[in-house]
Amino acid sequence: MLVPQEMGDDLLYEKEWRDANGHFRMTVDKNNFGVTRFFGKGSMDGTRAFVVMLDESDAAVGTADDIRAMVDLRELSGAPIRAQFILGKWLMNHKHRFYRIGVFGGKPWEMKLARAVAKIARFKNIGFFGDEKSTLEYLNG
């Protein structure tokens, strides 16, 4: 089973964004396994910064079309509804790059927004889970 590297020399991309209310960290390893962990309250500034990081990490993996991405929402507390449209548009334009995306741990509102992003993008290879272990099993299936 592939387990994402979140530290060390095997990373193709690593960046963190932070403001007074929240932050997130994104890594992508040499196996094209990405992890994003969100903390605090989401914002439109954070959404725009996240899209920049998505573009940068997309460039870091080159032409890969087998990206696995794990999104950890356990520590996210709120996100603007407008964010779903921005993220849905990004995913719609890049969905061919992903093998699977696994989202886990969010409260009902955050998971609802994540499902809306997938629906806007018409992306089918996404799973929603309560824990990290189930998410990793899905991403490696």
Foldseek 3Di string as FASTA:
>chain_A
DDDDDQDDDQWLDWDKDDDPFWIKIWTAGVVLEIEIEIAGEADVVNLVVVLVRVVVVVVSNPPAQAHEYEYEAQHYDYYDLVSLVVLLVSCLVVVSSYPAYEYENHDPVVVVSVVSSCVSSVRDRYYYYHDDVVRVVSSVD
